[in-house]
Amino acid sequence: MHDDASNGPGVAVLRLGHRPGRDDRMTTHVGLTARALGADRVWFSDNAGQSKETVDDITDRFGGPFTAELTDSPHSLLRNWEGQVVHLTMYGQRVQDVEGDIREAHRDDGEPLLLVVGSEKVSFDVYEEADWNVGVTNQPHSEVAGLAVFLDRLSEGAELEREWVDADRTVIPMETGKRVESVPTDDGPDTSAS
């Protein structure tokens, strides 16, 4: 994992579980949200290969650095993590009550973070392994929404200014309409738009 000004020594996301056919879109969105909002990498269950391919494709086109990986032992990855673990769950402590402590451990103490989000009922051992069980609202909601809010609060908005490297394309902000342009190469500017 790389050091990044927006989020310190490293932020990884572990997507626990994946139900093919049911979770395909949500699992992919966990990866895309992790990438877009400042994480360094995401791990998916080994049966989520299509989600990994989609995240890899977006990273190839719109830049990184970001890594998507598959794991056949997510619980082992969680148990052996060398750093702090944040489990995002609606049953956890309120994010506004613990975000300062998490940010301090991450930035000031140099602890890498593993953010854990589930896809189905999460076993109790995950709650016990976590350094923090954090609720981004204690109401039913999407794990993608919880991940997005948490990442933004962790970096206090700095991820919105992130510079992307090795991008082929970039989105041009506009009041209305859609504009995606090719990124100029060392050979000179490319004025084509897609």
N, C-alpha and C. Protein backbone atom coordinates (compact mmCIF):
# COMPACT_ATOMS: atom_id res chain seq x y z
N MET A 1 0.83 -1.18 0.00
CA MET A 1 0.00 0.00 0.00
C MET A 1 0.87 1.24 0.00
N HIS A 2 0.40 2.24 -0.65
CA HIS A 2 1.19 3.45 -0.76
C HIS A 2 0.73 4.49 0.23
N ASP A 3 1.62 5.39 0.58
CA ASP A 3 1.24 6.52 1.39
C ASP A 3 0.60 7.55 0.48
N ASP A 4 -0.49 8.14 0.90
CA ASP A 4 -1.22 9.11 0.11
C ASP A 4 -1.63 10.23 1.05
N ALA A 5 -1.46 11.46 0.62
CA ALA A 5 -1.75 12.59 1.48
C ALA A 5 -3.19 12.59 1.96
N SER A 6 -4.11 12.03 1.18
CA SER A 6 -5.51 12.08 1.57
C SER A 6 -5.85 11.08 2.66
N ASN A 7 -5.08 10.01 2.82
CA ASN A 7 -5.50 9.03 3.81
C ASN A 7 -4.37 8.35 4.55
N GLY A 8 -3.19 8.87 4.52
CA GLY A 8 -2.13 8.36 5.36
C GLY A 8 -1.49 7.07 4.88
N PRO A 9 -1.18 6.18 5.82
CA PRO A 9 -0.33 5.03 5.50
C PRO A 9 -0.99 3.93 4.69
N GLY A 10 -2.26 3.91 4.51
CA GLY A 10 -2.89 2.88 3.69
C GLY A 10 -4.27 2.53 4.19
N VAL A 11 -5.18 2.43 3.26
CA VAL A 11 -6.55 2.05 3.57
C VAL A 11 -6.95 0.95 2.60
N ALA A 12 -7.36 -0.19 3.15
CA ALA A 12 -7.83 -1.30 2.33
C ALA A 12 -9.26 -1.62 2.72
N VAL A 13 -9.98 -2.21 1.77
CA VAL A 13 -11.37 -2.60 2.01
C VAL A 13 -11.49 -4.10 1.78
N LEU A 14 -12.17 -4.77 2.69
CA LEU A 14 -12.45 -6.19 2.56
C LEU A 14 -13.96 -6.36 2.45
N ARG A 15 -14.39 -6.89 1.32
CA ARG A 15 -15.80 -7.20 1.11
C ARG A 15 -16.02 -8.64 1.56
N LEU A 16 -16.71 -8.82 2.67
CA LEU A 16 -16.96 -10.16 3.20
C LEU A 16 -18.16 -10.77 2.49
N GLY A 17 -17.94 -11.88 1.84
CA GLY A 17 -19.02 -12.59 1.19
C GLY A 17 -19.38 -12.03 -0.17
N HIS A 18 -19.96 -12.90 -0.99
CA HIS A 18 -20.46 -12.49 -2.30
C HIS A 18 -21.40 -13.58 -2.78
N ARG A 19 -22.65 -13.21 -3.04
CA ARG A 19 -23.63 -14.15 -3.54
C ARG A 19 -23.80 -13.90 -5.04
N PRO A 20 -23.18 -14.75 -5.88
CA PRO A 20 -23.27 -14.55 -7.33
C PRO A 20 -24.72 -14.45 -7.79
N GLY A 21 -24.94 -13.51 -8.71
CA GLY A 21 -26.27 -13.28 -9.23
C GLY A 21 -27.06 -12.30 -8.40
N ARG A 22 -26.82 -12.30 -7.11
CA ARG A 22 -27.55 -11.39 -6.22
C ARG A 22 -26.72 -10.17 -5.85
N ASP A 23 -25.41 -10.36 -5.62
CA ASP A 23 -24.56 -9.28 -5.12
C ASP A 23 -23.62 -8.69 -6.18
N ASP A 24 -23.72 -9.13 -7.43
CA ASP A 24 -22.73 -8.71 -8.43
C ASP A 24 -22.58 -7.19 -8.50
N ARG A 25 -23.66 -6.49 -8.66
CA ARG A 25 -23.60 -5.03 -8.80
C ARG A 25 -23.12 -4.36 -7.51
N MET A 26 -23.64 -4.83 -6.37
CA MET A 26 -23.26 -4.21 -5.08
C MET A 26 -21.78 -4.44 -4.79
N THR A 27 -21.28 -5.65 -5.03
CA THR A 27 -19.87 -5.93 -4.80
C THR A 27 -19.00 -5.05 -5.68
N THR A 28 -19.38 -4.92 -6.95
CA THR A 28 -18.64 -4.03 -7.85
C THR A 28 -18.65 -2.61 -7.33
N HIS A 29 -19.77 -2.14 -6.83
CA HIS A 29 -19.87 -0.77 -6.34
C HIS A 29 -19.06 -0.55 -5.06
N VAL A 30 -18.91 -1.59 -4.25
CA VAL A 30 -18.01 -1.49 -3.10
C VAL A 30 -16.60 -1.18 -3.60
N GLY A 31 -16.15 -1.92 -4.62
CA GLY A 31 -14.81 -1.70 -5.17
C GLY A 31 -14.65 -0.33 -5.81
N LEU A 32 -15.64 0.09 -6.58
CA LEU A 32 -15.55 1.39 -7.25
C LEU A 32 -15.58 2.53 -6.23
N THR A 33 -16.38 2.39 -5.20
CA THR A 33 -16.43 3.41 -4.15
C THR A 33 -15.12 3.47 -3.38
N ALA A 34 -14.57 2.31 -3.05
CA ALA A 34 -13.27 2.28 -2.37
C ALA A 34 -12.23 3.02 -3.19
N ARG A 35 -12.17 2.73 -4.49
CA ARG A 35 -11.21 3.36 -5.38
C ARG A 35 -11.43 4.87 -5.47
N ALA A 36 -12.65 5.28 -5.72
CA ALA A 36 -12.95 6.69 -5.96
C ALA A 36 -12.75 7.56 -4.73
N LEU A 37 -12.93 6.97 -3.54
CA LEU A 37 -12.92 7.80 -2.33
C LEU A 37 -11.71 7.57 -1.44
N GLY A 38 -10.61 7.07 -2.00
CA GLY A 38 -9.34 7.16 -1.29
C GLY A 38 -8.73 5.89 -0.75
N ALA A 39 -9.36 4.73 -0.91
CA ALA A 39 -8.71 3.50 -0.47
C ALA A 39 -7.61 3.12 -1.46
N ASP A 40 -6.70 2.26 -1.02
CA ASP A 40 -5.60 1.79 -1.86
C ASP A 40 -5.93 0.51 -2.60
N ARG A 41 -6.79 -0.32 -1.95
CA ARG A 41 -7.07 -1.64 -2.52
C ARG A 41 -8.39 -2.17 -1.97
N VAL A 42 -8.89 -3.19 -2.66
CA VAL A 42 -10.06 -3.91 -2.19
C VAL A 42 -9.83 -5.39 -2.39
N TRP A 43 -10.31 -6.18 -1.44
CA TRP A 43 -10.31 -7.63 -1.59
C TRP A 43 -11.75 -8.09 -1.70
N PHE A 44 -12.00 -8.94 -2.70
CA PHE A 44 -13.29 -9.58 -2.90
C PHE A 44 -13.14 -11.07 -2.64
N SER A 45 -14.24 -11.74 -2.33
CA SER A 45 -14.25 -13.20 -2.25
C SER A 45 -13.86 -13.77 -3.61
N ASP A 46 -13.28 -14.97 -3.59
CA ASP A 46 -12.76 -15.54 -4.84
C ASP A 46 -13.83 -15.86 -5.88
N ASN A 47 -15.12 -15.81 -5.52
CA ASN A 47 -16.18 -16.02 -6.50
C ASN A 47 -16.71 -14.71 -7.09
N ALA A 48 -16.01 -13.61 -6.86
CA ALA A 48 -16.42 -12.29 -7.36
C ALA A 48 -15.48 -11.80 -8.45
N GLY A 49 -15.05 -12.70 -9.32
CA GLY A 49 -14.10 -12.35 -10.37
C GLY A 49 -14.59 -11.27 -11.32
N GLN A 50 -15.89 -11.27 -11.62
CA GLN A 50 -16.43 -10.25 -12.53
C GLN A 50 -16.31 -8.85 -11.92
N SER A 51 -16.54 -8.75 -10.62
CA SER A 51 -16.40 -7.45 -9.94
C SER A 51 -14.95 -6.99 -10.00
N LYS A 52 -14.01 -7.88 -9.78
CA LYS A 52 -12.60 -7.54 -9.87
C LYS A 52 -12.26 -7.05 -11.27
N GLU A 53 -12.74 -7.75 -12.30
CA GLU A 53 -12.47 -7.34 -13.68
C GLU A 53 -12.99 -5.94 -13.96
N THR A 54 -14.18 -5.63 -13.49
CA THR A 54 -14.77 -4.30 -13.72
C THR A 54 -13.95 -3.22 -13.03
N VAL A 55 -13.56 -3.46 -11.77
CA VAL A 55 -12.76 -2.47 -11.04
C VAL A 55 -11.40 -2.29 -11.71
N ASP A 56 -10.78 -3.39 -12.15
CA ASP A 56 -9.51 -3.30 -12.87
C ASP A 56 -9.65 -2.48 -14.15
N ASP A 57 -10.74 -2.69 -14.88
CA ASP A 57 -10.98 -1.96 -16.12
C ASP A 57 -11.13 -0.46 -15.86
N ILE A 58 -11.88 -0.11 -14.84
CA ILE A 58 -12.06 1.32 -14.49
C ILE A 58 -10.72 1.92 -14.07
N THR A 59 -9.94 1.20 -13.30
CA THR A 59 -8.62 1.70 -12.86
C THR A 59 -7.71 1.89 -14.06
N ASP A 60 -7.73 0.94 -15.01
CA ASP A 60 -6.92 1.08 -16.23
C ASP A 60 -7.31 2.32 -17.02
N ARG A 61 -8.61 2.59 -17.11
CA ARG A 61 -9.07 3.72 -17.92
C ARG A 61 -8.99 5.06 -17.21
N PHE A 62 -9.34 5.09 -15.92
CA PHE A 62 -9.45 6.37 -15.22
C PHE A 62 -8.34 6.63 -14.21
N GLY A 63 -7.40 5.71 -14.09
CA GLY A 63 -6.21 5.96 -13.28
C GLY A 63 -6.24 5.31 -11.91
N GLY A 64 -5.11 5.38 -11.28
CA GLY A 64 -4.91 4.78 -9.97
C GLY A 64 -3.99 5.68 -9.16
N PRO A 65 -3.23 5.11 -8.25
CA PRO A 65 -3.06 3.67 -8.05
C PRO A 65 -4.21 3.07 -7.26
N PHE A 66 -4.58 1.85 -7.60
CA PHE A 66 -5.60 1.09 -6.90
C PHE A 66 -5.46 -0.37 -7.31
N THR A 67 -5.65 -1.27 -6.36
CA THR A 67 -5.52 -2.70 -6.62
C THR A 67 -6.77 -3.42 -6.16
N ALA A 68 -7.30 -4.27 -7.02
CA ALA A 68 -8.41 -5.16 -6.66
C ALA A 68 -7.88 -6.59 -6.67
N GLU A 69 -8.18 -7.34 -5.61
CA GLU A 69 -7.68 -8.71 -5.49
C GLU A 69 -8.80 -9.64 -5.04
N LEU A 70 -8.62 -10.92 -5.33
CA LEU A 70 -9.52 -11.96 -4.85
C LEU A 70 -8.85 -12.71 -3.72
N THR A 71 -9.64 -13.18 -2.76
CA THR A 71 -9.10 -13.99 -1.67
C THR A 71 -10.02 -15.16 -1.41
N ASP A 72 -9.41 -16.31 -1.14
CA ASP A 72 -10.22 -17.47 -0.78
C ASP A 72 -10.31 -17.61 0.74
N SER A 73 -9.64 -16.73 1.49
CA SER A 73 -9.74 -16.77 2.96
C SER A 73 -9.86 -15.37 3.54
N PRO A 74 -11.04 -14.76 3.36
CA PRO A 74 -11.21 -13.40 3.89
C PRO A 74 -11.07 -13.32 5.42
N HIS A 75 -11.51 -14.34 6.12
CA HIS A 75 -11.40 -14.30 7.59
C HIS A 75 -9.95 -14.42 8.04
N SER A 76 -9.14 -15.15 7.30
CA SER A 76 -7.72 -15.24 7.60
C SER A 76 -7.05 -13.88 7.36
N LEU A 77 -7.42 -13.24 6.27
CA LEU A 77 -6.89 -11.91 5.96
C LEU A 77 -7.24 -10.95 7.10
N LEU A 78 -8.46 -11.02 7.58
CA LEU A 78 -8.90 -10.17 8.68
C LEU A 78 -8.11 -10.46 9.96
N ARG A 79 -7.98 -11.73 10.31
CA ARG A 79 -7.26 -12.12 11.53
C ARG A 79 -5.79 -11.72 11.50
N ASN A 80 -5.18 -11.76 10.32
CA ASN A 80 -3.75 -11.51 10.21
C ASN A 80 -3.40 -10.08 9.81
N TRP A 81 -4.38 -9.20 9.75
CA TRP A 81 -4.14 -7.81 9.36
C TRP A 81 -3.22 -7.13 10.35
N GLU A 82 -2.18 -6.47 9.84
CA GLU A 82 -1.25 -5.74 10.70
C GLU A 82 -1.61 -4.27 10.66
N GLY A 83 -2.49 -3.89 11.51
CA GLY A 83 -3.00 -2.54 11.57
C GLY A 83 -4.34 -2.55 12.29
N GLN A 84 -5.09 -1.50 12.11
CA GLN A 84 -6.39 -1.35 12.75
C GLN A 84 -7.50 -1.86 11.81
N VAL A 85 -8.56 -2.39 12.41
CA VAL A 85 -9.70 -2.91 11.65
C VAL A 85 -10.95 -2.14 12.03
N VAL A 86 -11.64 -1.64 11.02
CA VAL A 86 -12.92 -0.95 11.20
C VAL A 86 -13.98 -1.76 10.48
N HIS A 87 -14.94 -2.27 11.23
CA HIS A 87 -16.06 -3.01 10.66
C HIS A 87 -17.23 -2.05 10.56
N LEU A 88 -17.69 -1.82 9.33
CA LEU A 88 -18.81 -0.91 9.11
C LEU A 88 -20.11 -1.69 9.21
N THR A 89 -20.91 -1.36 10.21
CA THR A 89 -22.16 -2.06 10.50
C THR A 89 -23.13 -1.08 11.13
N MET A 90 -24.41 -1.23 10.85
CA MET A 90 -25.37 -0.30 11.45
C MET A 90 -25.49 -0.51 12.96
N TYR A 91 -24.93 -1.62 13.47
CA TYR A 91 -25.00 -1.91 14.90
C TYR A 91 -23.83 -1.32 15.68
N GLY A 92 -22.91 -0.66 15.01
CA GLY A 92 -21.71 -0.17 15.67
C GLY A 92 -21.88 1.16 16.37
N GLN A 93 -20.77 1.64 16.92
CA GLN A 93 -20.73 2.96 17.54
C GLN A 93 -20.95 4.01 16.47
N ARG A 94 -21.52 5.13 16.86
CA ARG A 94 -21.79 6.20 15.90
C ARG A 94 -20.48 6.74 15.33
N VAL A 95 -20.43 6.87 14.00
CA VAL A 95 -19.21 7.32 13.33
C VAL A 95 -18.75 8.66 13.89
N GLN A 96 -19.67 9.55 14.18
CA GLN A 96 -19.30 10.87 14.68
C GLN A 96 -18.67 10.81 16.06
N ASP A 97 -18.87 9.71 16.78
CA ASP A 97 -18.28 9.57 18.11
C ASP A 97 -16.88 8.96 18.08
N VAL A 98 -16.54 8.23 17.03
CA VAL A 98 -15.25 7.52 17.01
C VAL A 98 -14.33 7.92 15.86
N GLU A 99 -14.80 8.73 14.93
CA GLU A 99 -13.97 9.06 13.77
C GLU A 99 -12.66 9.73 14.15
N GLY A 100 -12.66 10.56 15.17
CA GLY A 100 -11.42 11.23 15.59
C GLY A 100 -10.38 10.24 16.09
N ASP A 101 -10.81 9.27 16.88
CA ASP A 101 -9.89 8.24 17.38
C ASP A 101 -9.33 7.40 16.24
N ILE A 102 -10.18 7.05 15.29
CA ILE A 102 -9.75 6.25 14.15
C ILE A 102 -8.77 7.04 13.30
N ARG A 103 -9.09 8.28 13.03
CA ARG A 103 -8.22 9.14 12.22
C ARG A 103 -6.87 9.31 12.90
N GLU A 104 -6.86 9.48 14.22
CA GLU A 104 -5.60 9.64 14.96
C GLU A 104 -4.76 8.36 14.86
N ALA A 105 -5.37 7.21 15.06
CA ALA A 105 -4.62 5.94 14.97
C ALA A 105 -4.07 5.74 13.57
N HIS A 106 -4.83 6.16 12.59
CA HIS A 106 -4.43 5.98 11.19
C HIS A 106 -3.35 6.97 10.78
N ARG A 107 -3.61 8.24 10.96
CA ARG A 107 -2.67 9.27 10.49
C ARG A 107 -1.50 9.47 11.43
N ASP A 108 -1.79 9.72 12.68
CA ASP A 108 -0.75 10.09 13.62
C ASP A 108 0.10 8.90 14.06
N ASP A 109 -0.54 7.75 14.26
CA ASP A 109 0.19 6.57 14.71
C ASP A 109 0.69 5.72 13.55
N GLY A 110 0.33 6.10 12.32
CA GLY A 110 0.81 5.39 11.14
C GLY A 110 0.24 3.99 10.97
N GLU A 111 -0.95 3.76 11.51
CA GLU A 111 -1.57 2.44 11.42
C GLU A 111 -2.37 2.31 10.12
N PRO A 112 -2.07 1.30 9.29
CA PRO A 112 -2.93 1.05 8.13
C PRO A 112 -4.30 0.58 8.60
N LEU A 113 -5.32 0.88 7.81
CA LEU A 113 -6.69 0.53 8.16
C LEU A 113 -7.23 -0.52 7.20
N LEU A 114 -7.96 -1.46 7.75
CA LEU A 114 -8.75 -2.40 6.97
C LEU A 114 -10.21 -2.11 7.28
N LEU A 115 -10.96 -1.72 6.26
CA LEU A 115 -12.39 -1.46 6.41
C LEU A 115 -13.13 -2.70 5.93
N VAL A 116 -13.99 -3.24 6.78
CA VAL A 116 -14.71 -4.47 6.47
C VAL A 116 -16.17 -4.16 6.25
N VAL A 117 -16.70 -4.60 5.10
CA VAL A 117 -18.13 -4.48 4.81
C VAL A 117 -18.66 -5.85 4.41
N GLY A 118 -19.85 -6.17 4.86
CA GLY A 118 -20.43 -7.47 4.58
C GLY A 118 -21.38 -7.43 3.40
N SER A 119 -21.82 -8.63 3.01
CA SER A 119 -22.83 -8.73 1.96
C SER A 119 -24.07 -9.44 2.49
N GLU A 120 -23.89 -10.23 3.51
CA GLU A 120 -24.99 -10.94 4.15
C GLU A 120 -24.72 -10.88 5.64
N LYS A 121 -25.43 -11.66 6.41
CA LYS A 121 -25.23 -11.63 7.86
C LYS A 121 -23.76 -11.89 8.19
N VAL A 122 -23.17 -11.01 8.96
CA VAL A 122 -21.76 -11.11 9.33
C VAL A 122 -21.65 -11.89 10.63
N SER A 123 -20.71 -12.83 10.67
CA SER A 123 -20.54 -13.66 11.87
C SER A 123 -19.98 -12.83 13.02
N PHE A 124 -20.27 -13.27 14.24
CA PHE A 124 -19.90 -12.51 15.42
C PHE A 124 -18.39 -12.34 15.57
N ASP A 125 -17.60 -13.28 15.04
CA ASP A 125 -16.15 -13.16 15.18
C ASP A 125 -15.62 -11.91 14.49
N VAL A 126 -16.30 -11.42 13.45
CA VAL A 126 -15.87 -10.18 12.79
C VAL A 126 -16.00 -9.01 13.75
N TYR A 127 -17.10 -8.98 14.50
CA TYR A 127 -17.28 -7.92 15.51
C TYR A 127 -16.17 -7.98 16.56
N GLU A 128 -15.76 -9.18 16.92
CA GLU A 128 -14.71 -9.34 17.93
C GLU A 128 -13.33 -9.00 17.40
N GLU A 129 -13.06 -9.29 16.13
CA GLU A 129 -11.76 -8.99 15.52
C GLU A 129 -11.55 -7.50 15.30
N ALA A 130 -12.64 -6.77 15.10
CA ALA A 130 -12.55 -5.35 14.77
C ALA A 130 -12.08 -4.53 15.97
N ASP A 131 -11.25 -3.53 15.67
CA ASP A 131 -10.88 -2.55 16.69
C ASP A 131 -12.04 -1.59 16.93
N TRP A 132 -12.80 -1.33 15.87
CA TRP A 132 -13.99 -0.50 15.97
C TRP A 132 -15.10 -1.12 15.12
N ASN A 133 -16.28 -1.23 15.68
CA ASN A 133 -17.50 -1.52 14.94
C ASN A 133 -18.22 -0.19 14.82
N VAL A 134 -18.36 0.29 13.59
CA VAL A 134 -18.79 1.67 13.35
C VAL A 134 -20.08 1.69 12.55
N GLY A 135 -21.04 2.45 13.07
CA GLY A 135 -22.30 2.64 12.37
C GLY A 135 -22.35 4.01 11.72
N VAL A 136 -22.48 4.01 10.39
CA VAL A 136 -22.75 5.26 9.68
C VAL A 136 -24.27 5.31 9.60
N THR A 137 -24.88 5.85 10.62
CA THR A 137 -26.29 5.83 10.95
C THR A 137 -26.65 4.42 11.43
N ASN A 138 -27.46 4.38 12.45
CA ASN A 138 -27.88 3.09 13.00
C ASN A 138 -29.23 2.69 12.42
N GLN A 139 -29.38 2.95 11.14
CA GLN A 139 -30.58 2.59 10.39
C GLN A 139 -30.19 1.68 9.24
N PRO A 140 -31.09 0.82 8.78
CA PRO A 140 -30.76 -0.02 7.62
C PRO A 140 -30.39 0.85 6.42
N HIS A 141 -29.29 0.49 5.77
CA HIS A 141 -28.82 1.22 4.59
C HIS A 141 -27.84 0.35 3.84
N SER A 142 -27.33 0.85 2.75
CA SER A 142 -26.40 0.13 1.88
C SER A 142 -24.98 0.18 2.43
N GLU A 143 -24.27 -0.95 2.28
CA GLU A 143 -22.85 -0.97 2.66
C GLU A 143 -22.03 -0.02 1.81
N VAL A 144 -22.47 0.24 0.58
CA VAL A 144 -21.77 1.18 -0.28
C VAL A 144 -21.90 2.60 0.29
N ALA A 145 -23.09 2.95 0.75
CA ALA A 145 -23.29 4.27 1.36
C ALA A 145 -22.46 4.42 2.62
N GLY A 146 -22.45 3.38 3.46
CA GLY A 146 -21.66 3.43 4.69
C GLY A 146 -20.18 3.59 4.39
N LEU A 147 -19.68 2.86 3.39
CA LEU A 147 -18.27 2.95 3.01
C LEU A 147 -17.95 4.35 2.50
N ALA A 148 -18.80 4.90 1.66
CA ALA A 148 -18.56 6.23 1.09
C ALA A 148 -18.50 7.30 2.18
N VAL A 149 -19.47 7.28 3.07
CA VAL A 149 -19.50 8.28 4.15
C VAL A 149 -18.28 8.13 5.05
N PHE A 150 -17.94 6.89 5.40
CA PHE A 150 -16.81 6.68 6.28
C PHE A 150 -15.50 7.16 5.65
N LEU A 151 -15.26 6.80 4.38
CA LEU A 151 -14.02 7.22 3.71
C LEU A 151 -13.92 8.74 3.63
N ASP A 152 -15.04 9.40 3.36
CA ASP A 152 -15.02 10.86 3.29
C ASP A 152 -14.71 11.47 4.65
N ARG A 153 -15.30 10.93 5.70
CA ARG A 153 -15.04 11.46 7.04
C ARG A 153 -13.62 11.16 7.48
N LEU A 154 -13.10 10.00 7.10
CA LEU A 154 -11.72 9.64 7.46
C LEU A 154 -10.73 10.65 6.90
N SER A 155 -10.89 11.00 5.65
CA SER A 155 -9.92 11.90 5.01
C SER A 155 -10.38 13.35 5.02
N GLU A 156 -11.51 13.63 5.64
CA GLU A 156 -12.05 14.99 5.77
C GLU A 156 -12.13 15.70 4.41
N GLY A 157 -12.54 14.94 3.39
CA GLY A 157 -12.76 15.50 2.06
C GLY A 157 -11.52 15.58 1.18
N ALA A 158 -10.34 15.27 1.70
CA ALA A 158 -9.11 15.40 0.92
C ALA A 158 -9.10 14.47 -0.30
N GLU A 159 -9.83 13.34 -0.23
CA GLU A 159 -9.85 12.40 -1.35
C GLU A 159 -10.50 13.01 -2.59
N LEU A 160 -11.27 14.07 -2.43
CA LEU A 160 -11.94 14.71 -3.56
C LEU A 160 -10.95 15.50 -4.43
N GLU A 161 -9.77 15.76 -3.90
CA GLU A 161 -8.73 16.49 -4.64
C GLU A 161 -7.63 15.56 -5.16
N ARG A 162 -7.84 14.28 -5.06
CA ARG A 162 -6.81 13.29 -5.42
C ARG A 162 -6.40 13.42 -6.88
N GLU A 163 -5.12 13.24 -7.13
CA GLU A 163 -4.58 13.21 -8.49
C GLU A 163 -4.50 11.75 -8.93
N TRP A 164 -4.98 11.44 -10.12
CA TRP A 164 -4.96 10.09 -10.65
C TRP A 164 -3.82 9.93 -11.63
N VAL A 165 -3.08 8.83 -11.52
CA VAL A 165 -1.95 8.59 -12.41
C VAL A 165 -2.28 7.47 -13.38
N ASP A 166 -1.61 7.53 -14.54
CA ASP A 166 -1.75 6.52 -15.59
C ASP A 166 -3.18 6.39 -16.10
N ALA A 167 -3.92 7.48 -16.12
CA ALA A 167 -5.28 7.47 -16.65
C ALA A 167 -5.26 7.65 -18.16
N ASP A 168 -6.16 6.96 -18.85
CA ASP A 168 -6.36 7.16 -20.28
C ASP A 168 -7.43 8.20 -20.53
N ARG A 169 -8.33 8.35 -19.56
CA ARG A 169 -9.47 9.25 -19.72
C ARG A 169 -9.67 10.06 -18.45
N THR A 170 -10.31 11.19 -18.61
CA THR A 170 -10.68 12.01 -17.46
C THR A 170 -12.06 12.62 -17.71
N VAL A 171 -12.82 12.74 -16.64
CA VAL A 171 -14.13 13.37 -16.73
C VAL A 171 -13.94 14.87 -16.51
N ILE A 172 -14.52 15.66 -17.40
CA ILE A 172 -14.44 17.12 -17.30
C ILE A 172 -15.71 17.60 -16.58
N PRO A 173 -15.56 18.21 -15.39
CA PRO A 173 -16.75 18.69 -14.67
C PRO A 173 -17.50 19.75 -15.47
N MET A 174 -18.81 19.59 -15.52
CA MET A 174 -19.65 20.52 -16.28
C MET A 174 -20.94 20.77 -15.50
N GLU A 175 -21.54 21.93 -15.74
CA GLU A 175 -22.82 22.23 -15.10
C GLU A 175 -23.91 21.33 -15.66
N THR A 176 -23.91 21.11 -16.96
CA THR A 176 -24.84 20.18 -17.60
C THR A 176 -24.09 19.42 -18.68
N GLY A 177 -24.57 18.25 -19.00
CA GLY A 177 -23.94 17.45 -20.05
C GLY A 177 -22.89 16.52 -19.49
N LYS A 178 -22.31 15.73 -20.39
CA LYS A 178 -21.28 14.76 -20.04
C LYS A 178 -20.10 14.96 -20.96
N ARG A 179 -18.90 14.98 -20.38
CA ARG A 179 -17.70 15.15 -21.18
C ARG A 179 -16.57 14.32 -20.60
N VAL A 180 -16.07 13.39 -21.40
CA VAL A 180 -14.93 12.57 -21.03
C VAL A 180 -13.89 12.77 -22.11
N GLU A 181 -12.68 13.10 -21.71
CA GLU A 181 -11.62 13.35 -22.68
C GLU A 181 -10.47 12.37 -22.47
N SER A 182 -9.78 12.10 -23.56
CA SER A 182 -8.55 11.32 -23.46
C SER A 182 -7.50 12.17 -22.77
N VAL A 183 -6.67 11.54 -21.98
CA VAL A 183 -5.60 12.24 -21.28
C VAL A 183 -4.44 12.39 -22.26
N PRO A 184 -3.86 13.59 -22.36
CA PRO A 184 -2.73 13.78 -23.27
C PRO A 184 -1.56 12.86 -22.89
N THR A 185 -0.89 12.35 -23.90
CA THR A 185 0.29 11.52 -23.67
C THR A 185 1.54 12.37 -23.80
N ASP A 186 2.70 11.76 -23.62
CA ASP A 186 3.96 12.48 -23.77
C ASP A 186 4.19 12.94 -25.20
N ASP A 187 3.45 12.34 -26.14
CA ASP A 187 3.60 12.70 -27.55
C ASP A 187 2.91 14.01 -27.88
N GLY A 188 2.15 14.57 -26.96
CA GLY A 188 1.46 15.81 -27.22
C GLY A 188 0.01 15.68 -26.81
N PRO A 189 -0.73 16.81 -26.78
CA PRO A 189 -2.11 16.76 -26.33
C PRO A 189 -3.00 16.03 -27.33
N ASP A 190 -3.97 15.34 -26.79
CA ASP A 190 -4.98 14.66 -27.59
C ASP A 190 -6.26 15.45 -27.43
N THR A 191 -6.76 16.01 -28.50
CA THR A 191 -7.94 16.86 -28.40
C THR A 191 -9.23 16.12 -28.67
N SER A 192 -9.15 14.80 -28.82
CA SER A 192 -10.38 14.05 -29.07
C SER A 192 -11.19 13.91 -27.80
N ALA A 193 -12.50 13.89 -27.94
CA ALA A 193 -13.40 13.70 -26.81
C ALA A 193 -14.19 12.43 -27.05
N SER A 194 -14.56 11.75 -25.96
CA SER A 194 -15.40 10.56 -26.12
C SER A 194 -16.73 10.78 -25.50
